[in-house]
Amino acid sequence: MDKQNKLIILILTFGVFGILNTEMGVIGILPSLAEYYGVSVSQAGLLVGLFALAIAIAGPTMPLLFSGIDRKKVLLLVLAIFVLGNIATIFITNFTVVLIIRFISGLFHPVYVSLAFTIAADSVKKEDAPKAIAKVFIGVSAGMVVGVPIVSFIASVASIQMALAFFAVTNALVLIATLLFMPSMPVKEKLSYGSQLRILKKSITWLSIIGVIFLNASVFGVYSYFAEFLTSVTNMPLNTITIMLFLFGLTNIIGNIVAGKLLTQNAIKTVVAFPFALGAVYILFFLFGELTIPMAIITLIWGIIAGVGANINQYWVMSSAPEAPTFANGLFLTSANIGVTVGSAIGGYFIAQMGTQYVILVGFISIILSLVFVFLRNYKYNNVQNNSLNSRVS
């Protein structure tokens, strides 16, 4: 990989961090935001919920609409929208207006992230694409998990306005770097909307999408209530829980790096092994959930495995439709967000009905369901490969 491509991937990694941090960073300051905007904490939760809803809606459509435009111009447009939106949330105190601004930003989230994966893959040899995408995924993990304590820290030592300004500054720096250092990237071969939408006729695409929904639910159905688990089951103090969440984010990044190597070496075995590895971790959770030191060690392992899983999700959908990469990446983002929504909803049900320690059940159920679709997808993929090989021989 030459220096220019390395620089492009680095900029995209920080860009994805800024986009994801805008989405998830507010989680750590929801009580402060509720006070700032004069609403309840549950209402403030809409700042996350509506953003995620916008991503789920826009995932299959927005990347498709922008697929024929110069990629640099699209990246700049999205970053500009995020910068302006982030600045507006600092000074506007009308909660409804802020929700609208964040919803609009959420609609453009899949455009940037899907393009980042596509550009990273195109910047290297085909066999090295998983490694390049894994580097961009470092930004995803950092934005989703590491950004939360950073923003919370800024709010505690400075002010809520400075915490909100962090979102704007991060995206503004990436916008400047994109403008100055990224070359023009016109689309060499424009794909018609029809040709891209045709991937929805393939059963392998739908098997991949449903598989990813359950794979992501298996992680985030438990992670959504991880702080509650550490509080009520492990009886950890709040400051220790914050450290645990931060360590989970760091090990998530390690998992991204590991995933790039594993998917490059043997993608199918990596995907099949993932649910079993995750299931083993959840068994340990259930057995040792009340013990602080074992839980700390298990959390580090879980973070690595979850980081691998994030890359698997993107690879699983993308490899089912390589002829329409940007659209496929949009479908990945939608299915991943649906997985988060479904997993957290079922996890909440188990907690309400059985107790916090049984949130692990949503992980096990999702794992079993994901395996069904992983094996079906593998069977379908092998048939396609075999039929293609037989046709060449004949």
Protein backbone atom coordinates (compact mmCIF):
# COMPACT_ATOMS: atom_id res chain seq x y z
CA MET A 1 0.00 0.00 0.00
CA ASP A 2 1.52 3.37 -1.01
CA LYS A 3 1.71 6.44 1.25
CA GLN A 4 -1.26 8.18 -0.37
CA ASN A 5 -3.56 5.19 0.17
CA LYS A 6 -2.36 4.89 3.77
CA LEU A 7 -3.19 8.57 4.29
CA ILE A 8 -6.62 8.11 2.71
CA ILE A 9 -7.42 5.19 5.03
CA LEU A 10 -6.17 7.16 8.04
CA ILE A 11 -8.44 10.12 7.16
CA LEU A 12 -11.39 7.77 6.64
CA THR A 13 -10.72 6.11 10.01
CA PHE A 14 -10.83 9.46 11.81
CA GLY A 15 -13.83 10.46 9.71
CA VAL A 16 -15.77 7.38 10.75
CA PHE A 17 -14.76 8.08 14.36
CA GLY A 18 -16.25 11.58 14.10
CA ILE A 19 -19.48 10.33 12.51
CA LEU A 20 -19.97 7.47 15.02
CA ASN A 21 -18.98 9.66 17.95
CA THR A 22 -21.67 12.16 16.97
CA GLU A 23 -24.18 9.32 17.13
CA MET A 24 -23.06 7.51 20.29
CA GLY A 25 -21.04 10.11 22.23
CA VAL A 26 -24.15 11.67 23.75
CA ILE A 27 -24.87 8.45 25.69
CA GLY A 28 -22.43 9.45 28.43
CA ILE A 29 -23.93 12.93 28.89
CA LEU A 30 -27.67 12.23 28.54
CA PRO A 31 -28.52 13.48 32.07
CA SER A 32 -26.60 16.72 31.42
CA LEU A 33 -28.25 17.12 28.01
CA ALA A 34 -31.69 16.57 29.58
CA GLU A 35 -30.99 19.45 31.95
CA TYR A 36 -29.48 21.61 29.17
CA TYR A 37 -32.48 21.21 26.89
CA GLY A 38 -35.03 21.17 29.72
CA VAL A 39 -36.43 17.67 29.12
CA SER A 40 -36.53 14.35 30.99
CA VAL A 41 -33.72 11.80 30.66
CA SER A 42 -36.06 9.43 28.82
CA GLN A 43 -36.86 12.20 26.31
CA ALA A 44 -33.15 12.96 25.96
CA GLY A 45 -32.73 9.32 24.95
CA LEU A 46 -34.41 10.26 21.67
CA LEU A 47 -31.15 11.98 20.72
CA VAL A 48 -29.77 8.44 20.30
CA GLY A 49 -32.95 6.61 19.29
CA LEU A 50 -34.01 8.92 16.45
CA PHE A 51 -30.45 9.07 15.13
CA ALA A 52 -30.35 5.25 14.97
CA LEU A 53 -33.79 5.20 13.33
CA ALA A 54 -32.55 7.60 10.65
CA ILE A 55 -29.59 5.28 9.96
CA ALA A 56 -31.87 2.26 9.64
CA ILE A 57 -34.11 4.14 7.20
CA ALA A 58 -31.30 5.65 5.14
CA GLY A 59 -28.97 2.63 5.06
CA PRO A 60 -30.43 1.02 1.91
CA THR A 61 -31.37 4.27 0.13
CA MET A 62 -28.96 7.16 0.69
CA PRO A 63 -25.72 5.36 -0.35
CA LEU A 64 -27.57 4.24 -3.48
CA LEU A 65 -28.63 7.81 -4.35
CA PHE A 66 -25.06 9.14 -4.05
CA SER A 67 -23.34 6.13 -5.66
CA GLY A 68 -22.68 7.85 -9.00
CA ILE A 69 -21.16 11.10 -7.66
CA ASP A 70 -17.46 11.87 -7.14
CA ARG A 71 -16.66 10.22 -3.82
CA LYS A 72 -14.58 13.11 -2.45
CA LYS A 73 -17.45 15.55 -3.04
CA VAL A 74 -19.87 13.20 -1.24
CA LEU A 75 -17.52 12.84 1.74
CA LEU A 76 -17.14 16.62 1.98
CA LEU A 77 -20.90 17.13 1.77
CA VAL A 78 -21.60 14.69 4.61
CA LEU A 79 -18.84 16.12 6.82
CA ALA A 80 -20.12 19.66 6.21
CA ILE A 81 -23.64 18.60 7.26
CA PHE A 82 -22.26 17.03 10.44
CA VAL A 83 -20.12 20.07 11.29
CA LEU A 84 -23.02 22.49 10.82
CA GLY A 85 -25.39 20.18 12.71
CA ASN A 86 -22.96 19.81 15.62
CA ILE A 87 -22.41 23.57 15.84
CA ALA A 88 -26.17 24.16 15.81
CA THR A 89 -26.73 21.79 18.76
CA ILE A 90 -24.33 23.89 20.88
CA PHE A 91 -26.32 27.09 20.54
CA ILE A 92 -29.89 25.91 19.94
CA THR A 93 -31.72 25.00 23.15
CA ASN A 94 -35.06 24.04 21.55
CA PHE A 95 -35.11 20.27 21.98
CA THR A 96 -37.43 19.57 19.05
CA VAL A 97 -35.19 21.49 16.65
CA VAL A 98 -32.15 19.62 17.94
CA LEU A 99 -33.92 16.29 17.36
CA ILE A 100 -34.68 17.32 13.76
CA ILE A 101 -31.05 18.31 13.21
CA ARG A 102 -29.77 15.00 14.54
CA PHE A 103 -32.32 13.05 12.49
CA ILE A 104 -31.11 14.80 9.32
CA SER A 105 -27.49 14.06 10.25
CA GLY A 106 -28.43 10.43 10.84
CA LEU A 107 -29.78 10.16 7.30
CA PHE A 108 -26.29 10.99 5.94
CA HIS A 109 -24.42 8.72 8.37
CA PRO A 110 -24.68 5.61 6.11
CA VAL A 111 -23.46 7.59 3.11
CA TYR A 112 -20.11 8.38 4.73
CA VAL A 113 -19.56 5.05 6.48
CA SER A 114 -20.50 2.89 3.49
CA LEU A 115 -18.26 4.99 1.22
CA ALA A 116 -15.39 4.73 3.72
CA PHE A 117 -15.53 0.92 3.59
CA THR A 118 -15.78 0.94 -0.22
CA ILE A 119 -12.88 3.38 -0.70
CA ALA A 120 -10.69 1.47 1.77
CA ALA A 121 -11.34 -1.81 -0.07
CA ASP A 122 -10.66 -0.22 -3.46
CA SER A 123 -7.35 1.27 -2.30
CA VAL A 124 -5.65 -2.14 -1.91
CA LYS A 125 -5.44 -5.48 -3.66
CA LYS A 126 -8.63 -7.55 -3.50
CA GLU A 127 -7.13 -10.10 -1.11
CA ASP A 128 -6.04 -7.33 1.30
CA ALA A 129 -9.45 -5.61 1.40
CA PRO A 130 -10.45 -7.10 4.81
CA LYS A 131 -7.29 -5.65 6.39
CA ALA A 132 -7.97 -2.19 4.93
CA ILE A 133 -11.60 -2.29 6.08
CA ALA A 134 -10.47 -3.46 9.53
CA LYS A 135 -8.42 -0.27 9.88
CA VAL A 136 -11.50 1.83 9.14
CA PHE A 137 -13.40 -0.26 11.68
CA ILE A 138 -11.01 1.02 14.33
CA GLY A 139 -12.75 4.37 13.85
CA VAL A 140 -16.15 2.68 14.20
CA SER A 141 -15.19 1.01 17.49
CA ALA A 142 -13.54 4.15 18.85
CA GLY A 143 -16.55 6.26 17.90
CA MET A 144 -19.07 3.86 19.42
CA VAL A 145 -17.30 3.05 22.69
CA VAL A 146 -14.14 5.09 23.37
CA GLY A 147 -15.81 8.38 22.42
CA VAL A 148 -18.41 8.00 25.18
CA PRO A 149 -16.01 8.38 28.17
CA ILE A 150 -14.05 11.09 26.33
CA VAL A 151 -17.15 13.25 25.87
CA SER A 152 -18.28 12.51 29.42
CA PHE A 153 -14.87 13.60 30.73
CA ILE A 154 -14.97 16.88 28.78
CA ALA A 155 -18.44 17.62 30.13
CA SER A 156 -17.32 16.95 33.73
CA VAL A 157 -14.15 19.10 33.64
CA ALA A 158 -15.38 21.86 31.31
CA SER A 159 -19.04 22.21 30.26
CA ILE A 160 -21.78 20.56 28.24
CA GLN A 161 -21.16 23.10 25.46
CA MET A 162 -17.49 22.07 25.25
CA ALA A 163 -18.51 18.42 25.08
CA LEU A 164 -20.84 19.21 22.18
CA ALA A 165 -18.08 21.28 20.57
CA PHE A 166 -15.86 18.18 20.57
CA PHE A 167 -18.19 16.61 17.98
CA ALA A 168 -17.97 19.69 15.76
CA VAL A 169 -14.18 20.07 16.05
CA THR A 170 -13.54 16.39 15.27
CA ASN A 171 -15.66 16.47 12.11
CA ALA A 172 -14.25 19.87 11.06
CA LEU A 173 -10.65 18.59 11.26
CA VAL A 174 -11.56 15.58 9.10
CA LEU A 175 -13.34 17.86 6.62
CA ILE A 176 -10.18 20.00 6.28
CA ALA A 177 -7.97 16.90 5.90
CA THR A 178 -10.33 15.49 3.25
CA LEU A 179 -10.34 18.78 1.35
CA LEU A 180 -6.55 19.15 1.40
CA PHE A 181 -5.19 15.62 1.17
CA MET A 182 -7.72 13.37 -0.51
CA PRO A 183 -7.68 13.31 -4.32
CA SER A 184 -10.75 13.62 -6.50
CA MET A 185 -12.37 10.19 -6.75
CA PRO A 186 -14.82 10.15 -9.65
CA VAL A 187 -16.79 6.92 -10.04
CA LYS A 188 -15.09 5.08 -12.89
CA GLU A 189 -17.94 2.72 -13.61
CA LYS A 190 -21.36 4.10 -12.74
CA LEU A 191 -23.81 1.40 -11.77
CA SER A 192 -27.46 1.97 -12.52
CA TYR A 193 -29.87 1.95 -9.61
CA GLY A 194 -31.54 -1.09 -11.15
CA SER A 195 -28.33 -3.10 -11.36
CA GLN A 196 -27.60 -2.37 -7.70
CA LEU A 197 -31.12 -3.13 -6.53
CA ARG A 198 -30.89 -6.51 -8.28
CA ILE A 199 -28.76 -7.81 -5.42
CA LEU A 200 -32.00 -7.85 -3.39
CA LYS A 201 -33.23 -10.66 -5.64
CA LYS A 202 -30.40 -12.92 -4.47
CA SER A 203 -31.22 -15.26 -1.60
CA ILE A 204 -27.61 -15.11 -0.41
CA THR A 205 -28.04 -11.37 0.20
CA TRP A 206 -31.06 -11.90 2.44
CA LEU A 207 -29.45 -14.81 4.28
CA SER A 208 -26.49 -12.53 4.97
CA ILE A 209 -28.68 -9.62 6.12
CA ILE A 210 -30.74 -11.76 8.52
CA GLY A 211 -27.58 -13.48 9.77
CA VAL A 212 -26.02 -10.09 10.54
CA ILE A 213 -29.15 -8.93 12.38
CA PHE A 214 -28.82 -11.89 14.76
CA LEU A 215 -25.02 -11.69 14.95
CA ASN A 216 -25.21 -8.04 16.00
CA ALA A 217 -28.12 -8.70 18.36
CA SER A 218 -26.01 -11.37 20.05
CA VAL A 219 -23.45 -8.71 21.03
CA PHE A 220 -25.49 -5.55 21.57
CA GLY A 221 -28.46 -7.28 23.18
CA VAL A 222 -26.09 -7.91 26.09
CA TYR A 223 -23.82 -4.86 25.77
CA SER A 224 -26.79 -2.46 25.91
CA TYR A 225 -27.29 -3.54 29.54
CA PHE A 226 -23.67 -4.23 30.42
CA ALA A 227 -23.39 -1.26 32.80
CA GLU A 228 -26.57 -2.43 34.55
CA PHE A 229 -25.15 -5.99 34.73
CA LEU A 230 -21.92 -4.73 36.34
CA THR A 231 -23.94 -2.61 38.78
CA SER A 232 -26.57 -5.08 39.97
CA VAL A 233 -24.89 -8.47 39.42
CA THR A 234 -21.17 -7.79 39.84
CA ASN A 235 -21.75 -4.89 42.30
CA MET A 236 -19.01 -2.73 40.78
CA PRO A 237 -18.76 0.94 41.79
CA LEU A 238 -19.55 3.54 39.11
CA ASN A 239 -15.95 4.65 38.50
CA THR A 240 -14.87 1.03 37.97
CA ILE A 241 -17.72 0.49 35.52
CA THR A 242 -16.53 3.51 33.52
CA ILE A 243 -13.05 1.98 33.34
CA MET A 244 -14.54 -1.37 32.26
CA LEU A 245 -16.50 0.27 29.44
CA PHE A 246 -13.35 2.09 28.30
CA LEU A 247 -11.34 -1.15 28.34
CA PHE A 248 -14.08 -2.87 26.35
CA GLY A 249 -13.68 -0.17 23.71
CA LEU A 250 -9.91 -0.54 23.57
CA THR A 251 -10.09 -4.32 23.22
CA ASN A 252 -12.76 -3.81 20.55
CA ILE A 253 -10.09 -2.02 18.52
CA ILE A 254 -7.70 -4.95 19.03
CA GLY A 255 -10.49 -7.20 17.76
CA ASN A 256 -10.75 -5.08 14.60
CA ILE A 257 -7.06 -5.60 13.87
CA VAL A 258 -7.28 -9.34 14.58
CA ALA A 259 -10.37 -9.63 12.36
CA GLY A 260 -8.55 -8.16 9.38
CA LYS A 261 -5.95 -10.91 9.56
CA LEU A 262 -8.43 -13.72 10.25
CA LEU A 263 -10.82 -12.74 7.44
CA THR A 264 -7.90 -12.47 5.02
CA GLN A 265 -6.59 -15.92 5.95
CA ASN A 266 -9.86 -17.87 6.16
CA ALA A 267 -13.09 -15.89 6.19
CA ILE A 268 -15.57 -18.78 6.36
CA LYS A 269 -13.91 -20.49 9.33
CA THR A 270 -13.70 -17.14 11.13
CA VAL A 271 -17.42 -16.47 10.67
CA VAL A 272 -18.44 -19.97 11.77
CA ALA A 273 -16.15 -19.89 14.82
CA PHE A 274 -17.38 -16.49 16.02
CA PRO A 275 -20.77 -17.55 17.49
CA PHE A 276 -19.13 -20.44 19.38
CA ALA A 277 -16.45 -18.15 20.84
CA LEU A 278 -19.08 -15.60 21.86
CA GLY A 279 -21.24 -18.33 23.40
CA ALA A 280 -18.29 -19.52 25.49
CA VAL A 281 -17.82 -15.98 26.82
CA TYR A 282 -21.49 -15.75 27.81
CA ILE A 283 -21.25 -19.05 29.70
CA LEU A 284 -18.36 -17.50 31.67
CA PHE A 285 -20.50 -14.38 32.25
CA PHE A 286 -23.25 -16.51 33.72
CA LEU A 287 -20.89 -18.56 35.92
CA PHE A 288 -18.64 -15.76 37.19
CA GLY A 289 -20.82 -12.65 36.80
CA GLU A 290 -20.75 -11.92 40.54
CA LEU A 291 -16.94 -11.88 40.79
CA THR A 292 -15.13 -8.61 39.97
CA ILE A 293 -11.69 -9.83 38.85
CA PRO A 294 -12.96 -12.71 36.65
CA MET A 295 -15.50 -10.31 35.10
CA ALA A 296 -12.72 -7.85 34.30
CA ILE A 297 -10.75 -10.57 32.48
CA ILE A 298 -13.85 -11.91 30.69
CA THR A 299 -14.75 -8.37 29.57
CA LEU A 300 -11.35 -7.93 27.90
CA ILE A 301 -11.82 -11.19 25.99
CA TRP A 302 -15.40 -10.22 25.11
CA GLY A 303 -14.22 -6.87 23.74
CA ILE A 304 -11.78 -8.56 21.35
CA ILE A 305 -14.41 -11.04 20.15
CA ALA A 306 -17.00 -8.27 19.71
CA GLY A 307 -14.48 -6.29 17.63
CA VAL A 308 -13.98 -9.32 15.39
CA GLY A 309 -17.76 -9.64 15.11
CA ALA A 310 -18.18 -6.09 13.83
CA ASN A 311 -15.85 -6.81 10.91
CA ILE A 312 -17.56 -10.14 10.26
CA ASN A 313 -20.92 -8.38 9.89
CA GLN A 314 -19.60 -6.01 7.24
CA TYR A 315 -17.76 -8.78 5.39
CA TRP A 316 -20.81 -11.09 5.46
CA VAL A 317 -23.12 -8.63 3.70
CA MET A 318 -20.45 -7.12 1.44
CA SER A 319 -19.21 -10.48 0.14
CA SER A 320 -22.75 -11.51 -0.75
CA ALA A 321 -23.02 -8.64 -3.26
CA PRO A 322 -19.54 -7.50 -4.37
CA GLU A 323 -21.01 -6.16 -7.63
CA ALA A 324 -22.69 -3.30 -5.72
CA PRO A 325 -20.28 -2.50 -2.85
CA THR A 326 -21.64 0.88 -1.71
CA PHE A 327 -25.25 -0.32 -1.68
CA ALA A 328 -24.19 -3.52 0.11
CA ASN A 329 -22.40 -1.51 2.79
CA GLY A 330 -25.58 0.51 3.28
CA LEU A 331 -27.52 -2.73 3.75
CA PHE A 332 -24.92 -3.81 6.31
CA LEU A 333 -25.44 -0.62 8.32
CA THR A 334 -29.21 -1.07 8.29
CA SER A 335 -29.08 -4.74 9.32
CA ALA A 336 -26.53 -3.98 12.06
CA ASN A 337 -28.74 -1.22 13.49
CA ILE A 338 -31.81 -3.46 13.35
CA GLY A 339 -29.78 -6.03 15.27
CA VAL A 340 -29.01 -3.46 17.98
CA THR A 341 -32.69 -2.49 18.21
CA VAL A 342 -34.00 -6.06 18.31
CA GLY A 343 -31.31 -7.28 20.70
CA SER A 344 -31.75 -4.43 23.19
CA ALA A 345 -35.55 -4.81 23.14
CA ILE A 346 -35.41 -8.56 23.85
CA GLY A 347 -32.67 -8.05 26.43
CA GLY A 348 -34.85 -5.51 28.23
CA TYR A 349 -37.72 -8.03 28.23
CA PHE A 350 -35.58 -10.74 29.85
CA ILE A 351 -34.38 -8.29 32.51
CA ALA A 352 -37.94 -7.22 33.30
CA GLN A 353 -39.24 -10.79 33.48
CA MET A 354 -36.34 -12.73 34.99
CA GLY A 355 -33.67 -10.36 36.31
CA THR A 356 -30.54 -8.65 35.01
CA GLN A 357 -28.30 -11.75 35.08
CA TYR A 358 -30.59 -13.41 32.52
CA VAL A 359 -29.90 -10.77 29.87
CA ILE A 360 -27.27 -13.29 28.73
CA LEU A 361 -30.16 -15.33 27.27
CA VAL A 362 -30.68 -12.82 24.47
CA GLY A 363 -27.07 -13.45 23.52
CA PHE A 364 -27.53 -17.23 23.43
CA ILE A 365 -30.80 -17.10 21.48
CA SER A 366 -29.34 -14.70 18.93
CA ILE A 367 -26.24 -16.89 18.57
CA ILE A 368 -28.34 -19.98 17.80
CA LEU A 369 -30.46 -18.10 15.25
CA SER A 370 -27.37 -16.56 13.64
CA LEU A 371 -25.80 -20.01 13.22
CA VAL A 372 -28.86 -21.19 11.29
CA PHE A 373 -28.44 -18.40 8.75
CA VAL A 374 -24.65 -18.64 8.68
CA PHE A 375 -24.83 -22.33 7.73
CA LEU A 376 -27.64 -21.70 5.22
CA ARG A 377 -25.61 -18.90 3.67
CA ASN A 378 -22.50 -21.08 3.49
CA TYR A 379 -24.50 -23.85 1.84
CA LYS A 380 -25.92 -21.39 -0.69
CA TYR A 381 -22.53 -19.81 -1.35
CA ASN A 382 -20.85 -23.20 -1.88
CA ASN A 383 -23.59 -24.18 -4.35
CA VAL A 384 -23.07 -20.96 -6.30
CA GLN A 385 -19.30 -21.52 -6.35
CA ASN A 386 -19.66 -25.16 -7.41
CA ASN A 387 -22.17 -24.32 -10.16
CA SER A 388 -19.87 -21.58 -11.46
CA LEU A 389 -16.92 -23.97 -11.47
CA ASN A 390 -18.90 -26.71 -13.23
CA SER A 391 -20.07 -24.29 -15.93
CA ARG A 392 -16.47 -23.26 -16.60
CA VAL A 393 -15.34 -26.90 -16.86
CA SER A 394 -18.17 -27.81 -19.24
